[in-house]
Amino acid sequence: MDDSQTKISIFRGKNIRKVIYKNEWWFSIIDVVGVLTETDRPRKYWNDLKTKLIKEGYIEVSEKIGQLKLKSPDGKLRETDCANTETMLRVVQTIPSPKAEPFKRWLARVGYERVQEIEDPELATKRARVIYMAKGYPDGWIKHRMRGIEARYELTDEWKGREVKLEREYAILTAEISKATFGMTPGQYKKFKNLKRGNLRDHMNEVELLFSMLGEVSTKEITRARNTKGFSENKRAAKEGGDIAGSARVALEKKTRKKVSTKINYLKGYEEDKQISS
């Protein structure tokens, strides 16, 4: 973790230090506590708050906190209690301050929406579409992305029913498909696109998305045809499904003399193209 990964967020005119750790943002707890409580002793407040959290039943609070190096007011890097977004929001729920109330209302709304999505899965798809539109993605890209999400869900549902249980196994199977399709695992692909965080497919163009989907749909069909069981059989099916997409990719590249995989962040490239054409 280097200093270039450390950033400052502004909330209510105050600085909130944050740093990328384990591929996600972690926030300085004392900074957040200081803003929401306006106490002049945020460290003391946080120590008392930890005790309160444990009494409330959040006994794993210490396991969720990381001692990460952040830049202090004197310019030196010092270890500071930090938490990711999920843990930070849980901490905020325990702060008895009017300033914390907007966070609590937001959490209640998110929780309610999640319950709605469990009862009606189509709502999750509709909300995802709205989010992509708000981010500036064009309709054509959104349609490809949503089809890809559906294909991914269908494949993971197949795996669930075929004795693939562990998250690590899901990651390995996904890597097998990606490597056979693009010649890169998802981790390698993110490095190829110079991505430090975020969802890889949100940075793919429509052609990349189509080949990702082809690899997963092919894997699903092979899995069903063979009635695969267990991790080893599904791993072979994943590679073969990816090989189908990989062969199609190579064929297209030969015809177009153009690589399918691109280092360009799709949304950034799309915005630049709009500016050039306008």
Protein backbone atom coordinates (compact mmCIF):
# COMPACT_ATOMS: atom_id res chain seq x y z
CA MET A 1 0.00 0.00 0.00
CA ASP A 2 1.66 3.22 -1.15
CA ASP A 3 0.81 6.83 -0.43
CA SER A 4 -0.55 7.35 -3.94
CA GLN A 5 -3.55 5.22 -2.96
CA THR A 6 -4.45 7.56 -0.10
CA LYS A 7 -7.15 10.15 -0.74
CA ILE A 8 -9.19 12.76 1.11
CA SER A 9 -12.99 12.84 0.96
CA ILE A 10 -14.94 15.96 1.83
CA PHE A 11 -18.07 15.56 3.96
CA ARG A 12 -19.93 18.57 5.38
CA GLY A 13 -16.86 20.67 4.68
CA LYS A 14 -14.59 18.37 6.70
CA ASN A 15 -11.79 16.05 5.59
CA ILE A 16 -12.31 12.28 5.76
CA ARG A 17 -9.12 10.33 5.08
CA LYS A 18 -9.48 7.13 3.09
CA VAL A 19 -7.21 4.56 1.49
CA ILE A 20 -7.58 1.64 -0.92
CA TYR A 21 -7.06 -1.61 0.97
CA LYS A 22 -8.04 -5.10 -0.21
CA ASN A 23 -9.33 -3.50 -3.42
CA GLU A 24 -11.88 -1.23 -1.72
CA TRP A 25 -12.03 2.09 0.12
CA TRP A 26 -11.35 2.07 3.85
CA PHE A 27 -12.14 5.22 5.87
CA SER A 28 -10.61 6.78 8.96
CA ILE A 29 -13.07 6.06 11.75
CA ILE A 30 -11.97 8.94 13.97
CA ASP A 31 -12.45 11.36 11.05
CA VAL A 32 -16.03 10.19 10.52
CA VAL A 33 -16.74 10.19 14.25
CA GLY A 34 -15.33 13.71 14.54
CA VAL A 35 -17.57 15.01 11.75
CA LEU A 36 -20.77 13.34 12.96
CA THR A 37 -20.36 14.16 16.65
CA GLU A 38 -18.34 17.41 16.48
CA THR A 39 -16.44 16.20 19.53
CA ASP A 40 -12.97 17.60 20.17
CA ARG A 41 -11.89 14.15 21.40
CA PRO A 42 -12.82 11.78 18.54
CA ARG A 43 -10.31 9.09 19.65
CA LYS A 44 -11.86 8.92 23.12
CA TYR A 45 -15.35 8.89 21.61
CA TRP A 46 -14.36 6.03 19.28
CA ASN A 47 -12.91 3.97 22.14
CA ASP A 48 -16.17 4.36 24.07
CA LEU A 49 -18.15 3.57 20.94
CA LYS A 50 -16.30 0.29 20.45
CA THR A 51 -17.37 -0.82 23.92
CA LYS A 52 -20.97 0.13 23.10
CA LEU A 53 -20.87 -1.82 19.83
CA ILE A 54 -19.70 -4.96 21.63
CA LYS A 55 -22.48 -4.58 24.22
CA GLU A 56 -24.98 -4.31 21.38
CA GLY A 57 -23.79 -7.69 20.09
CA TYR A 58 -21.32 -6.59 17.42
CA ILE A 59 -18.60 -8.71 19.02
CA GLU A 60 -16.55 -9.01 15.82
CA VAL A 61 -16.00 -5.23 15.63
CA SER A 62 -12.26 -5.56 16.36
CA GLU A 63 -11.86 -8.10 13.54
CA LYS A 64 -13.52 -5.68 11.11
CA ILE A 65 -11.19 -2.77 11.95
CA GLY A 66 -7.84 -2.36 10.22
CA GLN A 67 -4.82 -0.41 11.44
CA LEU A 68 -3.81 1.36 8.22
CA LYS A 69 -1.26 4.10 7.62
CA LEU A 70 -2.82 7.47 6.81
CA LYS A 71 -1.24 10.90 6.58
CA SER A 72 -1.59 12.77 9.89
CA PRO A 73 -1.73 16.58 10.28
CA ASP A 74 2.07 16.69 10.72
CA GLY A 75 2.47 15.07 7.28
CA LYS A 76 3.68 11.71 8.57
CA LEU A 77 2.04 8.35 7.89
CA ARG A 78 0.61 6.93 11.10
CA GLU A 79 -1.45 3.83 11.83
CA THR A 80 -5.12 4.72 12.19
CA ASP A 81 -8.27 2.69 12.86
CA CYS A 82 -10.02 2.26 9.51
CA ALA A 83 -13.08 0.41 8.25
CA ASN A 84 -14.59 -0.44 4.88
CA THR A 85 -17.95 0.96 3.82
CA GLU A 86 -20.06 -1.84 5.34
CA THR A 87 -18.37 -1.66 8.75
CA MET A 88 -18.30 2.14 8.68
CA LEU A 89 -22.04 2.28 8.13
CA ARG A 90 -22.56 -0.15 11.03
CA VAL A 91 -20.48 2.14 13.25
CA VAL A 92 -22.54 5.15 12.17
CA GLN A 93 -25.74 3.39 13.26
CA THR A 94 -24.48 3.43 16.85
CA ILE A 95 -23.65 7.15 16.93
CA PRO A 96 -26.47 9.02 18.76
CA SER A 97 -26.17 12.22 16.77
CA PRO A 98 -28.65 14.14 14.55
CA LYS A 99 -25.88 14.38 11.96
CA ALA A 100 -25.84 10.58 11.71
CA GLU A 101 -29.57 10.39 11.06
CA PRO A 102 -29.33 10.82 7.24
CA PHE A 103 -27.00 7.79 7.14
CA LYS A 104 -29.43 5.76 9.23
CA ARG A 105 -32.39 6.67 7.02
CA TRP A 106 -30.37 5.77 3.93
CA LEU A 107 -29.47 2.39 5.44
CA ALA A 108 -33.13 1.72 6.24
CA ARG A 109 -34.08 2.54 2.65
CA VAL A 110 -31.35 0.30 1.21
CA GLY A 111 -32.42 -2.54 3.49
CA TYR A 112 -36.05 -2.12 2.43
CA GLU A 113 -35.08 -2.14 -1.26
CA ARG A 114 -33.01 -5.30 -0.76
CA VAL A 115 -36.04 -7.07 0.78
CA GLN A 116 -38.11 -5.93 -2.19
CA GLU A 117 -35.52 -7.35 -4.61
CA ILE A 118 -35.57 -10.72 -2.86
CA GLU A 119 -39.36 -10.83 -3.26
CA ASP A 120 -39.23 -9.55 -6.86
CA PRO A 121 -35.79 -10.10 -8.53
CA GLU A 122 -36.83 -7.98 -11.55
CA LEU A 123 -36.58 -4.90 -9.34
CA ALA A 124 -32.83 -5.45 -8.95
CA THR A 125 -32.44 -5.49 -12.74
CA LYS A 126 -34.50 -2.31 -13.12
CA ARG A 127 -32.47 -0.51 -10.45
CA ALA A 128 -29.19 -1.62 -12.04
CA ARG A 129 -30.36 -0.23 -15.38
CA VAL A 130 -31.22 3.11 -13.76
CA ILE A 131 -27.79 3.27 -12.09
CA TYR A 132 -25.99 2.63 -15.38
CA MET A 133 -28.08 5.31 -17.09
CA ALA A 134 -27.22 7.77 -14.33
CA LYS A 135 -23.53 7.01 -14.81
CA GLY A 136 -23.81 7.95 -18.48
CA TYR A 137 -23.73 4.57 -20.23
CA PRO A 138 -25.62 4.46 -23.57
CA ASP A 139 -28.69 2.24 -24.07
CA GLY A 140 -26.92 -0.23 -26.36
CA TRP A 141 -24.17 -0.91 -23.84
CA ILE A 142 -26.69 -1.24 -21.00
CA LYS A 143 -28.64 -3.89 -22.93
CA HIS A 144 -25.47 -5.95 -23.44
CA ARG A 145 -24.49 -5.52 -19.79
CA MET A 146 -27.88 -6.60 -18.50
CA ARG A 147 -27.89 -9.67 -20.74
CA GLY A 148 -24.44 -10.52 -19.44
CA ILE A 149 -25.59 -10.19 -15.83
CA GLU A 150 -28.49 -12.54 -16.53
CA ALA A 151 -26.16 -15.07 -18.19
CA ARG A 152 -23.82 -14.88 -15.21
CA TYR A 153 -26.66 -15.54 -12.77
CA GLU A 154 -27.83 -18.54 -14.79
CA LEU A 155 -24.32 -20.00 -14.75
CA THR A 156 -23.76 -19.49 -11.03
CA ASP A 157 -27.16 -21.04 -10.34
CA GLU A 158 -26.00 -24.09 -12.30
CA TRP A 159 -22.82 -24.26 -10.23
CA LYS A 160 -24.79 -24.03 -6.99
CA GLY A 161 -26.76 -27.11 -7.95
CA ARG A 162 -23.67 -29.04 -9.03
CA GLU A 163 -21.68 -29.22 -5.80
CA VAL A 164 -19.68 -26.03 -6.29
CA LYS A 165 -19.95 -24.40 -2.89
CA LEU A 166 -16.97 -22.24 -1.98
CA GLU A 167 -16.47 -18.64 -3.15
CA ARG A 168 -12.87 -19.54 -3.98
CA GLU A 169 -14.12 -22.26 -6.33
CA TYR A 170 -16.43 -19.79 -8.09
CA ALA A 171 -13.46 -17.46 -8.58
CA ILE A 172 -11.30 -20.26 -10.03
CA LEU A 173 -14.04 -21.37 -12.45
CA THR A 174 -14.58 -17.77 -13.55
CA ALA A 175 -10.83 -17.37 -14.07
CA GLU A 176 -10.78 -20.54 -16.22
CA ILE A 177 -13.47 -19.13 -18.52
CA SER A 178 -11.80 -15.73 -18.76
CA LYS A 179 -8.34 -17.14 -19.43
CA ALA A 180 -9.64 -19.39 -22.20
CA THR A 181 -11.74 -16.57 -23.68
CA PHE A 182 -9.32 -13.65 -23.51
CA GLY A 183 -5.98 -15.20 -22.58
CA MET A 184 -6.20 -13.39 -19.22
CA THR A 185 -7.72 -14.09 -15.82
CA PRO A 186 -10.01 -11.35 -14.44
CA GLY A 187 -7.15 -10.12 -12.24
CA GLN A 188 -4.79 -9.92 -15.20
CA TYR A 189 -7.48 -8.24 -17.28
CA LYS A 190 -7.92 -5.54 -14.64
CA LYS A 191 -4.19 -4.89 -14.68
CA PHE A 192 -4.33 -4.80 -18.49
CA LYS A 193 -6.96 -2.06 -18.23
CA ASN A 194 -5.07 -0.39 -15.35
CA LEU A 195 -8.01 -0.81 -12.98
CA LYS A 196 -7.33 -0.72 -9.26
CA ARG A 197 -10.92 -1.37 -8.18
CA GLY A 198 -14.47 -1.69 -9.46
CA ASN A 199 -16.22 -4.26 -11.63
CA LEU A 200 -14.14 -5.25 -14.66
CA ARG A 201 -17.16 -5.67 -16.93
CA ASP A 202 -18.32 -2.12 -16.26
CA HIS A 203 -15.15 -1.06 -18.09
CA MET A 204 -15.57 -3.40 -21.09
CA ASN A 205 -16.95 -2.32 -24.44
CA GLU A 206 -19.88 -4.12 -26.08
CA VAL A 207 -17.68 -6.61 -27.97
CA GLU A 208 -15.76 -7.57 -24.82
CA LEU A 209 -19.07 -8.04 -23.01
CA LEU A 210 -20.40 -10.28 -25.77
CA PHE A 211 -17.38 -12.58 -25.63
CA SER A 212 -17.59 -12.71 -21.82
CA MET A 213 -21.21 -13.75 -22.16
CA LEU A 214 -20.42 -16.31 -24.89
CA GLY A 215 -17.86 -17.98 -22.64
CA GLU A 216 -20.31 -18.23 -19.74
CA VAL A 217 -23.30 -19.33 -21.86
CA SER A 218 -21.15 -22.01 -23.53
CA THR A 219 -19.97 -23.21 -20.11
CA LYS A 220 -23.57 -23.40 -18.88
CA GLU A 221 -24.67 -25.45 -21.90
CA ILE A 222 -21.72 -27.87 -21.56
CA THR A 223 -22.40 -28.19 -17.84
CA ARG A 224 -26.04 -29.09 -18.44
CA ALA A 225 -25.30 -31.48 -21.32
CA ARG A 226 -22.78 -33.43 -19.26
CA ASN A 227 -24.63 -33.11 -15.96
CA THR A 228 -21.34 -32.19 -14.32
CA LYS A 229 -20.85 -32.74 -10.60
CA GLY A 230 -18.18 -31.36 -8.30
CA PHE A 231 -15.42 -28.82 -8.74
CA SER A 232 -13.13 -30.82 -11.06
CA GLU A 233 -15.79 -31.65 -13.64
CA ASN A 234 -17.07 -28.07 -13.64
CA LYS A 235 -13.54 -26.75 -14.02
CA ARG A 236 -13.11 -28.79 -17.22
CA ALA A 237 -16.45 -27.53 -18.50
CA ALA A 238 -15.44 -23.94 -17.69
CA LYS A 239 -12.25 -24.23 -19.72
CA GLU A 240 -14.05 -25.81 -22.65
CA GLY A 241 -16.77 -23.15 -22.57
CA GLY A 242 -14.10 -20.48 -22.53
CA ASP A 243 -12.27 -22.21 -25.39
CA ILE A 244 -15.37 -21.82 -27.58
CA ALA A 245 -15.45 -18.07 -26.93
CA GLY A 246 -11.67 -17.86 -27.28
CA SER A 247 -11.73 -19.54 -30.71
CA ALA A 248 -14.47 -17.15 -31.85
CA ARG A 249 -12.43 -14.20 -30.56
CA VAL A 250 -9.31 -15.29 -32.46
CA ALA A 251 -11.36 -15.79 -35.65
CA LEU A 252 -12.84 -12.30 -35.36
CA GLU A 253 -9.43 -10.75 -34.69
CA LYS A 254 -8.04 -12.40 -37.83
CA LYS A 255 -10.88 -11.06 -39.95
CA THR A 256 -10.82 -7.53 -38.53
CA ARG A 257 -7.08 -7.35 -37.77
CA LYS A 258 -8.12 -5.74 -34.53
CA LYS A 259 -7.79 -7.01 -30.96
CA VAL A 260 -11.01 -7.61 -29.04
CA SER A 261 -9.48 -6.77 -25.65
CA THR A 262 -8.74 -3.09 -25.24
CA LYS A 263 -7.01 -1.13 -22.49
CA ILE A 264 -9.57 1.65 -22.86
CA ASN A 265 -12.05 2.21 -20.04
CA TYR A 266 -15.29 1.95 -22.02
CA LEU A 267 -17.22 4.82 -20.43
CA LYS A 268 -14.20 7.14 -20.67
CA GLY A 269 -13.67 6.18 -24.31
CA TYR A 270 -17.37 6.64 -25.07
CA GLU A 271 -17.39 10.13 -23.56
CA GLU A 272 -14.25 11.09 -25.53
CA ASP A 273 -15.82 9.82 -28.77
CA LYS A 274 -18.94 11.92 -28.12
CA GLN A 275 -16.81 15.02 -27.58
CA ILE A 276 -14.88 14.43 -30.81
CA SER A 277 -18.03 13.89 -32.87
CA SER A 278 -19.90 16.88 -31.41
